[in-house]
N, C-alpha and C. Protein backbone atom coordinates (compact mmCIF):
# COMPACT_ATOMS: atom_id res chain seq x y z
N UNK A 1 0.84 -1.18 -0.02
CA UNK A 1 0.00 0.00 -0.04
C UNK A 1 0.88 1.25 0.00
N UNK A 2 0.73 1.98 -1.04
CA UNK A 2 1.54 3.17 -1.15
C UNK A 2 0.80 4.33 -0.69
N UNK A 3 1.41 5.22 0.01
CA UNK A 3 0.81 6.49 0.48
C UNK A 3 1.46 7.58 -0.22
N UNK A 4 0.61 8.44 -0.73
CA UNK A 4 1.22 9.57 -1.50
C UNK A 4 1.84 10.54 -0.56
N UNK A 5 2.73 11.34 -1.06
CA UNK A 5 3.49 12.35 -0.31
C UNK A 5 2.50 13.38 0.25
N UNK A 6 1.43 13.68 -0.48
CA UNK A 6 0.51 14.67 -0.02
C UNK A 6 -0.24 14.13 1.25
N UNK A 7 -0.61 12.87 1.27
CA UNK A 7 -1.31 12.23 2.40
C UNK A 7 -0.38 12.22 3.61
N UNK A 8 0.86 11.91 3.37
CA UNK A 8 1.90 11.87 4.50
C UNK A 8 1.96 13.26 5.22
N UNK A 9 2.19 14.27 4.35
CA UNK A 9 2.28 15.64 4.93
C UNK A 9 0.97 16.06 5.58
N UNK A 10 -0.21 15.72 5.04
CA UNK A 10 -1.44 16.09 5.66
C UNK A 10 -1.58 15.34 7.02
N UNK A 11 -1.19 14.10 7.16
CA UNK A 11 -1.25 13.35 8.44
C UNK A 11 -0.22 14.05 9.43
N UNK A 12 0.92 14.37 8.98
CA UNK A 12 1.97 14.98 9.72
C UNK A 12 1.48 16.32 10.25
N UNK A 13 0.81 17.15 9.48
CA UNK A 13 0.29 18.44 9.86
C UNK A 13 -0.84 18.26 10.87
N UNK A 14 -1.75 17.28 10.66
CA UNK A 14 -2.74 16.95 11.62
C UNK A 14 -2.22 16.51 12.96
N UNK A 15 -1.14 15.79 12.98
CA UNK A 15 -0.51 15.36 14.27
C UNK A 15 0.06 16.58 14.97
N UNK A 16 0.69 17.42 14.21
CA UNK A 16 1.31 18.69 14.82
C UNK A 16 0.22 19.61 15.42
N UNK A 17 -0.85 19.70 14.69
CA UNK A 17 -2.01 20.60 15.26
C UNK A 17 -2.55 19.98 16.46
N UNK A 18 -2.71 18.61 16.45
CA UNK A 18 -3.24 17.94 17.69
C UNK A 18 -2.30 18.07 18.82
N UNK A 19 -1.02 17.96 18.63
CA UNK A 19 -0.04 18.18 19.66
C UNK A 19 -0.10 19.61 20.19
N UNK A 20 -0.26 20.56 19.31
CA UNK A 20 -0.24 21.99 19.69
C UNK A 20 -1.49 22.28 20.58
N UNK A 21 -2.68 21.67 20.20
CA UNK A 21 -3.88 22.00 20.98
C UNK A 21 -4.06 21.10 22.21
N UNK A 22 -3.63 19.87 22.16
CA UNK A 22 -3.90 18.94 23.24
C UNK A 22 -2.84 18.94 24.34
N UNK A 23 -1.59 19.27 24.02
CA UNK A 23 -0.56 19.29 25.03
C UNK A 23 -0.29 20.70 25.50
N UNK A 24 -0.42 20.96 26.78
CA UNK A 24 -0.21 22.31 27.39
C UNK A 24 1.16 22.35 27.94
N UNK A 25 1.89 23.47 27.81
CA UNK A 25 3.28 23.58 28.31
C UNK A 25 3.18 23.64 29.91
N UNK A 26 4.20 23.14 30.52
CA UNK A 26 4.27 23.13 31.99
C UNK A 26 4.48 24.59 32.47
N UNK A 27 3.77 24.95 33.48
CA UNK A 27 3.95 26.20 34.12
C UNK A 27 4.95 26.07 35.24
N UNK A 28 6.09 26.71 35.08
CA UNK A 28 7.14 26.65 36.08
C UNK A 28 7.20 28.00 36.81
N UNK A 29 6.98 27.94 38.19
CA UNK A 29 6.91 29.16 38.93
C UNK A 29 8.30 29.70 39.07
N UNK A 30 8.46 31.00 38.90
CA UNK A 30 9.75 31.62 39.11
C UNK A 30 9.61 32.45 40.39
N UNK A 31 10.72 32.56 41.08
CA UNK A 31 10.79 33.34 42.34
C UNK A 31 11.76 34.47 42.22
N UNK A 32 11.37 35.54 42.81
CA UNK A 32 12.36 36.72 42.93
C UNK A 32 13.41 36.35 43.96
N UNK A 33 14.63 36.49 43.59
CA UNK A 33 15.70 36.12 44.53
C UNK A 33 16.28 37.29 45.22
N UNK A 34 15.75 38.47 45.01
CA UNK A 34 16.30 39.67 45.56
C UNK A 34 15.97 39.89 47.05
N UNK A 35 14.93 39.08 47.56
CA UNK A 35 14.52 39.22 48.97
C UNK A 35 14.94 37.98 49.81
N UNK A 36 16.12 37.46 49.55
CA UNK A 36 16.58 36.31 50.32
C UNK A 36 17.33 36.80 51.52
N UNK A 37 17.09 36.10 52.63
CA UNK A 37 17.80 36.45 53.87
C UNK A 37 19.28 36.19 53.71
N UNK A 38 20.06 37.18 54.15
CA UNK A 38 21.53 37.01 54.07
C UNK A 38 22.04 36.27 55.28
N UNK A 39 21.31 36.30 56.40
CA UNK A 39 21.71 35.66 57.60
C UNK A 39 20.44 35.16 58.40
N UNK A 40 20.44 33.97 58.92
CA UNK A 40 19.32 33.50 59.77
C UNK A 40 19.94 32.98 61.08
N UNK A 41 19.27 33.25 62.20
CA UNK A 41 19.66 32.86 63.49
C UNK A 41 18.49 32.24 64.20
N UNK A 42 18.74 31.17 65.03
CA UNK A 42 17.69 30.49 65.76
C UNK A 42 18.08 30.58 67.22
N UNK A 43 17.12 30.87 68.06
CA UNK A 43 17.31 30.86 69.58
C UNK A 43 18.62 31.52 69.90
N UNK A 44 18.70 32.85 69.70
CA UNK A 44 19.92 33.58 69.89
C UNK A 44 19.83 34.68 70.87
N UNK A 45 21.03 35.05 71.38
CA UNK A 45 21.18 36.22 72.30
C UNK A 45 22.41 37.00 71.88
N UNK A 46 22.26 38.32 71.67
CA UNK A 46 23.36 39.14 71.30
C UNK A 46 23.57 40.17 72.39
N UNK A 47 24.87 40.40 72.70
CA UNK A 47 25.15 41.35 73.72
C UNK A 47 26.14 42.43 73.20
N UNK A 48 25.94 43.65 73.62
CA UNK A 48 26.89 44.75 73.33
C UNK A 48 27.46 45.20 74.63
N UNK A 49 28.71 44.90 74.91
CA UNK A 49 29.34 45.24 76.15
C UNK A 49 30.44 46.29 75.89
N UNK A 50 30.35 47.37 76.67
CA UNK A 50 31.37 48.42 76.51
C UNK A 50 32.18 48.59 77.78
N UNK A 51 32.93 49.58 77.92
CA UNK A 51 33.82 49.73 79.09
C UNK A 51 32.94 50.03 80.34
N UNK A 52 31.81 50.61 80.15
CA UNK A 52 30.93 50.86 81.33
C UNK A 52 29.99 49.67 81.63
N UNK A 53 30.05 48.62 80.90
CA UNK A 53 29.25 47.48 81.13
C UNK A 53 28.30 47.07 80.00
N UNK A 54 27.28 46.39 80.28
CA UNK A 54 26.25 45.93 79.21
C UNK A 54 25.54 47.13 78.73
N UNK A 55 25.60 47.38 77.46
CA UNK A 55 24.83 48.49 76.79
C UNK A 55 23.62 48.01 76.13
N UNK A 56 23.56 46.77 75.61
CA UNK A 56 22.40 46.32 74.91
C UNK A 56 22.41 44.83 74.94
N UNK A 57 21.20 44.23 75.03
CA UNK A 57 20.99 42.77 74.91
C UNK A 57 19.84 42.57 73.98
N UNK A 58 19.90 41.67 73.03
CA UNK A 58 18.86 41.37 72.10
C UNK A 58 18.72 39.88 72.05
N UNK A 59 17.53 39.34 72.21
CA UNK A 59 17.31 37.87 72.06
C UNK A 59 16.02 37.66 71.29
N UNK A 60 15.97 36.47 70.66
CA UNK A 60 14.80 36.08 69.90
C UNK A 60 14.85 34.62 69.59
N UNK A 61 13.69 34.13 69.17
CA UNK A 61 13.59 32.66 68.79
C UNK A 61 14.06 32.49 67.37
N UNK A 62 13.93 33.53 66.54
CA UNK A 62 14.33 33.36 65.07
C UNK A 62 14.60 34.76 64.59
N UNK A 63 15.66 34.92 63.82
CA UNK A 63 15.97 36.20 63.31
C UNK A 63 16.54 36.14 61.87
N UNK A 64 16.22 37.11 60.99
CA UNK A 64 16.66 37.12 59.70
C UNK A 64 17.24 38.50 59.35
N UNK A 65 18.37 38.58 58.65
CA UNK A 65 18.95 39.82 58.18
C UNK A 65 18.81 39.85 56.69
N UNK A 66 18.17 40.88 56.23
CA UNK A 66 18.04 41.10 54.82
C UNK A 66 18.96 42.30 54.39
N UNK A 67 18.98 42.60 53.17
CA UNK A 67 19.85 43.68 52.65
C UNK A 67 19.37 45.03 53.29
N UNK A 68 18.00 45.16 53.47
CA UNK A 68 17.51 46.43 53.88
C UNK A 68 16.85 46.48 55.24
N UNK A 69 16.80 45.30 55.93
CA UNK A 69 16.04 45.23 57.23
C UNK A 69 16.43 43.98 57.94
N UNK A 70 15.97 44.05 59.27
CA UNK A 70 16.11 42.87 60.14
C UNK A 70 14.69 42.41 60.62
N UNK A 71 14.47 41.13 60.68
CA UNK A 71 13.23 40.58 61.21
C UNK A 71 13.51 39.66 62.34
N UNK A 72 12.89 39.92 63.45
CA UNK A 72 13.15 39.08 64.70
C UNK A 72 11.76 38.65 65.27
N UNK A 73 11.74 37.35 65.58
CA UNK A 73 10.47 36.76 66.21
C UNK A 73 10.75 36.51 67.65
N UNK A 74 9.69 36.79 68.47
CA UNK A 74 9.80 36.65 69.94
C UNK A 74 10.94 37.49 70.45
N UNK A 75 10.89 38.77 70.05
CA UNK A 75 12.00 39.66 70.40
C UNK A 75 11.96 40.15 71.89
N UNK A 76 13.11 40.25 72.50
CA UNK A 76 13.29 40.80 73.79
C UNK A 76 14.52 41.71 73.68
N UNK A 77 14.34 43.00 73.81
CA UNK A 77 15.44 43.93 73.53
C UNK A 77 15.61 44.84 74.81
N UNK A 78 16.78 44.90 75.37
CA UNK A 78 17.07 45.75 76.51
C UNK A 78 18.35 46.64 76.23
N UNK A 79 18.19 47.90 76.61
CA UNK A 79 19.34 48.81 76.37
C UNK A 79 19.51 49.62 77.59
N UNK A 80 20.73 50.12 77.83
CA UNK A 80 21.05 50.95 78.95
C UNK A 80 21.47 52.29 78.42
N UNK A 81 20.50 53.25 78.29
CA UNK A 81 20.78 54.55 77.74
C UNK A 81 20.61 55.61 78.80
N UNK A 82 21.56 56.52 78.96
CA UNK A 82 21.53 57.61 79.96
C UNK A 82 21.29 57.01 81.40
N UNK A 83 21.90 55.91 81.67
CA UNK A 83 21.80 55.29 83.02
C UNK A 83 20.40 54.87 83.37
N UNK A 84 19.56 54.68 82.38
CA UNK A 84 18.16 54.30 82.59
C UNK A 84 17.90 53.07 81.62
N UNK A 85 17.34 52.01 82.11
CA UNK A 85 17.14 50.86 81.40
C UNK A 85 15.81 51.02 80.55
N UNK A 86 15.89 50.58 79.29
CA UNK A 86 14.78 50.64 78.41
C UNK A 86 14.63 49.21 77.76
N UNK A 87 13.44 48.73 77.73
CA UNK A 87 13.29 47.37 77.06
C UNK A 87 11.95 47.32 76.33
N UNK A 88 12.03 46.41 75.23
CA UNK A 88 10.88 46.29 74.35
C UNK A 88 10.77 44.73 74.10
N UNK A 89 9.55 44.28 74.05
CA UNK A 89 9.29 42.84 73.74
C UNK A 89 8.09 42.78 72.84
N UNK A 90 8.11 41.77 71.96
CA UNK A 90 6.97 41.57 71.01
C UNK A 90 7.08 40.26 70.31
N UNK A 91 5.99 39.77 69.73
CA UNK A 91 6.05 38.56 68.98
C UNK A 91 6.89 38.73 67.67
N UNK A 92 6.75 39.83 66.97
CA UNK A 92 7.45 40.09 65.72
C UNK A 92 7.99 41.53 65.68
N UNK A 93 9.23 41.68 65.21
CA UNK A 93 9.80 43.02 65.09
C UNK A 93 10.52 43.09 63.77
N UNK A 94 10.33 44.23 63.08
CA UNK A 94 11.08 44.57 61.90
C UNK A 94 11.77 45.83 62.05
N UNK A 95 13.12 45.84 61.88
CA UNK A 95 13.98 46.95 62.01
C UNK A 95 14.43 47.45 60.71
N UNK A 96 14.05 48.72 60.37
CA UNK A 96 14.43 49.25 59.02
C UNK A 96 14.58 50.69 59.12
N UNK A 97 15.70 51.27 58.66
CA UNK A 97 16.00 52.70 58.55
C UNK A 97 15.76 53.35 59.95
N UNK A 98 16.43 52.81 61.00
CA UNK A 98 16.36 53.37 62.37
C UNK A 98 14.98 53.42 62.97
N UNK A 99 14.12 52.56 62.44
CA UNK A 99 12.73 52.44 62.99
C UNK A 99 12.45 51.00 63.27
N UNK A 100 11.94 50.76 64.44
CA UNK A 100 11.61 49.43 64.91
C UNK A 100 10.08 49.30 64.98
N UNK A 101 9.54 48.38 64.07
CA UNK A 101 8.17 48.14 64.04
C UNK A 101 7.84 46.89 64.85
N UNK A 102 7.03 46.95 65.86
CA UNK A 102 6.68 45.84 66.73
C UNK A 102 5.22 45.46 66.58
N UNK A 103 4.94 44.14 66.65
CA UNK A 103 3.52 43.70 66.57
C UNK A 103 3.39 42.41 67.36
N UNK A 104 2.17 42.35 67.95
CA UNK A 104 1.82 41.15 68.78
C UNK A 104 2.32 41.27 70.21
N UNK A 105 1.51 41.45 71.18
CA UNK A 105 1.81 41.58 72.58
C UNK A 105 3.03 42.44 72.83
N UNK A 106 2.93 43.65 72.43
CA UNK A 106 4.08 44.65 72.62
C UNK A 106 4.09 45.11 74.02
N UNK A 107 5.31 45.06 74.57
CA UNK A 107 5.53 45.60 75.97
C UNK A 107 6.74 46.51 75.91
N UNK A 108 6.58 47.74 76.31
CA UNK A 108 7.61 48.75 76.38
C UNK A 108 7.80 49.19 77.82
N UNK A 109 9.07 49.14 78.29
CA UNK A 109 9.35 49.56 79.69
C UNK A 109 10.47 50.54 79.66
N UNK A 110 10.40 51.59 80.53
CA UNK A 110 11.53 52.48 80.72
C UNK A 110 11.69 52.75 82.16
N UNK A 111 12.82 52.51 82.73
CA UNK A 111 13.04 52.69 84.11
C UNK A 111 12.33 51.74 84.99
N UNK A 112 12.10 52.12 86.29
CA UNK A 112 11.44 51.23 87.20
C UNK A 112 9.96 51.37 87.19
N UNK A 113 9.42 52.52 86.67
CA UNK A 113 8.04 52.80 86.90
C UNK A 113 7.26 53.29 85.67
N UNK A 114 7.79 52.99 84.44
CA UNK A 114 7.00 53.38 83.21
C UNK A 114 6.86 52.12 82.28
N UNK A 115 5.64 51.82 81.88
CA UNK A 115 5.44 50.65 81.09
C UNK A 115 4.12 50.86 80.28
N UNK A 116 4.17 50.48 78.95
CA UNK A 116 2.88 50.41 78.27
C UNK A 116 2.81 49.16 77.43
N UNK A 117 1.60 48.71 77.26
CA UNK A 117 1.27 47.49 76.51
C UNK A 117 0.36 47.86 75.36
N UNK A 118 0.59 47.21 74.19
CA UNK A 118 -0.25 47.41 73.04
C UNK A 118 -0.14 46.21 72.15
N UNK A 119 -0.94 46.16 71.03
CA UNK A 119 -0.83 45.12 70.08
C UNK A 119 0.15 45.43 69.02
N UNK A 120 0.51 46.71 68.88
CA UNK A 120 1.52 47.14 67.90
C UNK A 120 2.10 48.43 68.38
N UNK A 121 3.36 48.69 67.88
CA UNK A 121 4.04 49.89 68.27
C UNK A 121 5.17 50.17 67.23
N UNK A 122 5.58 51.44 67.17
CA UNK A 122 6.63 51.87 66.33
C UNK A 122 7.63 52.70 67.10
N UNK A 123 8.90 52.35 67.10
CA UNK A 123 9.93 53.15 67.89
C UNK A 123 10.90 53.72 66.88
N UNK A 124 10.97 55.05 66.88
CA UNK A 124 11.90 55.76 66.06
C UNK A 124 13.14 56.14 66.80
N UNK A 125 14.23 55.51 66.56
CA UNK A 125 15.49 55.74 67.29
C UNK A 125 15.99 57.17 67.23
N UNK A 126 15.89 57.77 66.05
CA UNK A 126 16.46 59.11 65.88
C UNK A 126 15.60 60.20 66.63
N UNK A 127 14.30 60.00 66.72
CA UNK A 127 13.40 60.93 67.44
C UNK A 127 13.14 60.45 68.88
N UNK A 128 13.59 59.27 69.28
CA UNK A 128 13.33 58.71 70.55
C UNK A 128 11.84 58.70 70.92
N UNK A 129 11.01 58.29 69.97
CA UNK A 129 9.58 58.23 70.17
C UNK A 129 9.02 56.82 69.94
N UNK A 130 8.14 56.46 70.82
CA UNK A 130 7.37 55.24 70.70
C UNK A 130 5.93 55.59 70.43
N UNK A 131 5.33 55.08 69.35
CA UNK A 131 3.96 55.43 69.04
C UNK A 131 3.13 54.17 68.78
N UNK A 132 1.90 54.23 69.06
CA UNK A 132 0.99 53.13 68.72
C UNK A 132 -0.34 53.81 68.21
N UNK A 133 -0.92 53.23 67.16
CA UNK A 133 -2.17 53.79 66.59
C UNK A 133 -3.36 53.06 67.12
N UNK A 134 -3.20 52.00 67.91
CA UNK A 134 -4.34 51.23 68.45
C UNK A 134 -4.44 51.48 69.89
N UNK A 135 -5.14 50.65 70.62
CA UNK A 135 -5.41 50.85 72.02
C UNK A 135 -4.15 50.51 72.75
N UNK A 136 -4.00 51.09 73.97
CA UNK A 136 -2.80 50.82 74.78
C UNK A 136 -3.25 50.88 76.29
N UNK A 137 -2.36 50.31 77.10
CA UNK A 137 -2.51 50.43 78.60
C UNK A 137 -1.16 50.93 79.10
N UNK A 138 -1.10 52.02 79.78
CA UNK A 138 0.11 52.58 80.28
C UNK A 138 0.08 52.62 81.81
N UNK A 139 1.18 52.19 82.44
CA UNK A 139 1.27 52.26 83.92
C UNK A 139 2.50 52.96 84.27
N UNK A 140 2.37 53.91 85.19
CA UNK A 140 3.55 54.57 85.83
C UNK A 140 3.29 54.86 87.23
N UNK A 141 4.11 55.63 87.87
CA UNK A 141 4.01 55.90 89.29
C UNK A 141 2.72 56.70 89.65
N UNK A 142 2.10 57.39 88.68
CA UNK A 142 0.96 58.17 88.90
C UNK A 142 -0.38 57.37 88.78
N UNK A 143 -0.32 56.34 88.04
CA UNK A 143 -1.56 55.45 87.83
C UNK A 143 -1.56 54.61 86.66
N UNK A 144 -2.78 54.23 86.32
CA UNK A 144 -2.98 53.35 85.10
C UNK A 144 -3.83 54.17 84.10
N UNK A 145 -3.36 54.15 82.81
CA UNK A 145 -4.12 54.91 81.75
C UNK A 145 -4.37 54.00 80.59
N UNK A 146 -5.56 54.09 80.04
CA UNK A 146 -5.99 53.37 78.85
C UNK A 146 -6.50 54.37 77.78
N UNK A 147 -6.12 54.15 76.55
CA UNK A 147 -6.56 55.03 75.47
C UNK A 147 -6.15 54.56 74.12
N UNK A 148 -6.08 55.46 73.16
CA UNK A 148 -5.77 55.16 71.82
C UNK A 148 -4.67 56.16 71.32
N UNK A 149 -3.88 55.75 70.36
CA UNK A 149 -2.91 56.51 69.64
C UNK A 149 -1.92 57.16 70.60
N UNK A 150 -1.14 56.39 71.27
CA UNK A 150 -0.12 56.82 72.23
C UNK A 150 1.10 57.43 71.46
N UNK A 151 1.64 58.50 71.93
CA UNK A 151 2.90 59.01 71.45
C UNK A 151 3.74 59.32 72.64
N UNK A 152 4.86 58.63 72.80
CA UNK A 152 5.71 58.80 73.93
C UNK A 152 7.12 59.17 73.55
N UNK A 153 7.62 60.25 74.05
CA UNK A 153 9.04 60.71 73.72
C UNK A 153 9.85 60.31 74.92
N UNK A 154 10.74 59.36 74.71
CA UNK A 154 11.54 58.82 75.87
C UNK A 154 12.61 59.75 76.28
N UNK A 155 13.00 60.66 75.44
CA UNK A 155 14.05 61.62 75.84
C UNK A 155 13.49 62.78 76.70
N UNK A 156 12.30 63.29 76.29
CA UNK A 156 11.64 64.37 77.01
C UNK A 156 10.64 63.91 78.07
N UNK A 157 10.40 62.56 78.09
CA UNK A 157 9.39 61.98 79.01
C UNK A 157 7.98 62.58 78.88
N UNK A 158 7.58 62.82 77.65
CA UNK A 158 6.21 63.36 77.43
C UNK A 158 5.35 62.33 76.76
N UNK A 159 4.05 62.32 77.09
CA UNK A 159 3.02 61.38 76.63
C UNK A 159 1.92 62.15 76.08
N UNK A 160 1.46 61.70 74.88
CA UNK A 160 0.18 62.25 74.33
C UNK A 160 -0.64 61.05 73.88
N UNK A 161 -1.98 61.18 74.01
CA UNK A 161 -2.82 60.10 73.58
C UNK A 161 -4.27 60.68 73.42
N UNK A 162 -5.15 59.82 72.79
CA UNK A 162 -6.49 60.11 72.62
C UNK A 162 -7.46 59.18 73.43
N UNK A 163 -8.62 59.66 73.75
CA UNK A 163 -9.62 58.94 74.52
C UNK A 163 -9.04 58.21 75.73
N UNK A 164 -8.38 58.96 76.60
CA UNK A 164 -7.72 58.38 77.76
C UNK A 164 -8.68 58.21 78.92
N UNK A 165 -8.65 57.06 79.54
CA UNK A 165 -9.31 56.74 80.82
C UNK A 165 -8.24 56.43 81.80
N UNK A 166 -8.27 57.21 82.92
CA UNK A 166 -7.19 57.09 83.89
C UNK A 166 -7.67 56.70 85.36
N UNK A 167 -6.85 56.06 86.00
CA UNK A 167 -7.01 55.67 87.36
C UNK A 167 -5.76 56.21 88.06
N UNK A 168 -5.91 57.28 88.86
CA UNK A 168 -4.75 57.87 89.51
C UNK A 168 -4.53 57.28 90.85
N UNK A 169 -3.22 57.24 91.25
CA UNK A 169 -2.84 56.81 92.58
C UNK A 169 -2.66 58.08 93.43
N UNK A 170 -3.47 58.37 94.37
CA UNK A 170 -3.35 59.48 95.21
C UNK A 170 -2.73 59.13 96.53
N UNK A 171 -1.80 59.91 97.03
CA UNK A 171 -1.21 59.60 98.32
C UNK A 171 -1.83 60.50 99.40
N UNK A 172 -1.86 60.05 100.54
CA UNK A 172 -2.49 60.81 101.66
C UNK A 172 -1.52 61.90 102.07
N UNK A 173 -2.03 63.14 102.24
CA UNK A 173 -1.31 64.25 102.78
C UNK A 173 -1.21 64.14 104.31
N UNK A 174 -0.04 64.24 104.83
CA UNK A 174 0.08 64.21 106.33
C UNK A 174 0.11 65.56 106.94
């Protein structure tokens, strides 16, 4: 049985068209490699010790260093600035361009009698300000304060907030 050349090319073209329509190319997912962590740490503690003693301690359960930022999980940060201890703790922290973004069970303490809690906070190192846009609870030697949108300047020891409810501690006058 002889097949003409026209029939052969017609069958070949039909097979190619069938392959073109019936077989789909594989979709291979590509990833951007510019946001890869340069360093990863697990269950770590970092200390900065100077001639006057411990200046800073940072610990976390997991940390990543990227080209433009640091990410730390279960952060606990303590520094000794101007002979007064300052500490911050949260579930997640991102440090970028001298600003520390904290989220999840944020706890900020300064000295022996100043502390505030919130679900999120932002600390600007250059301005020495801690801010939160959500609700907060602040405790100091004067009482307990609850409100929204806290702005605290740790250098000037000034506090601003909205919708504040306060419970003052009054001492008896002798």
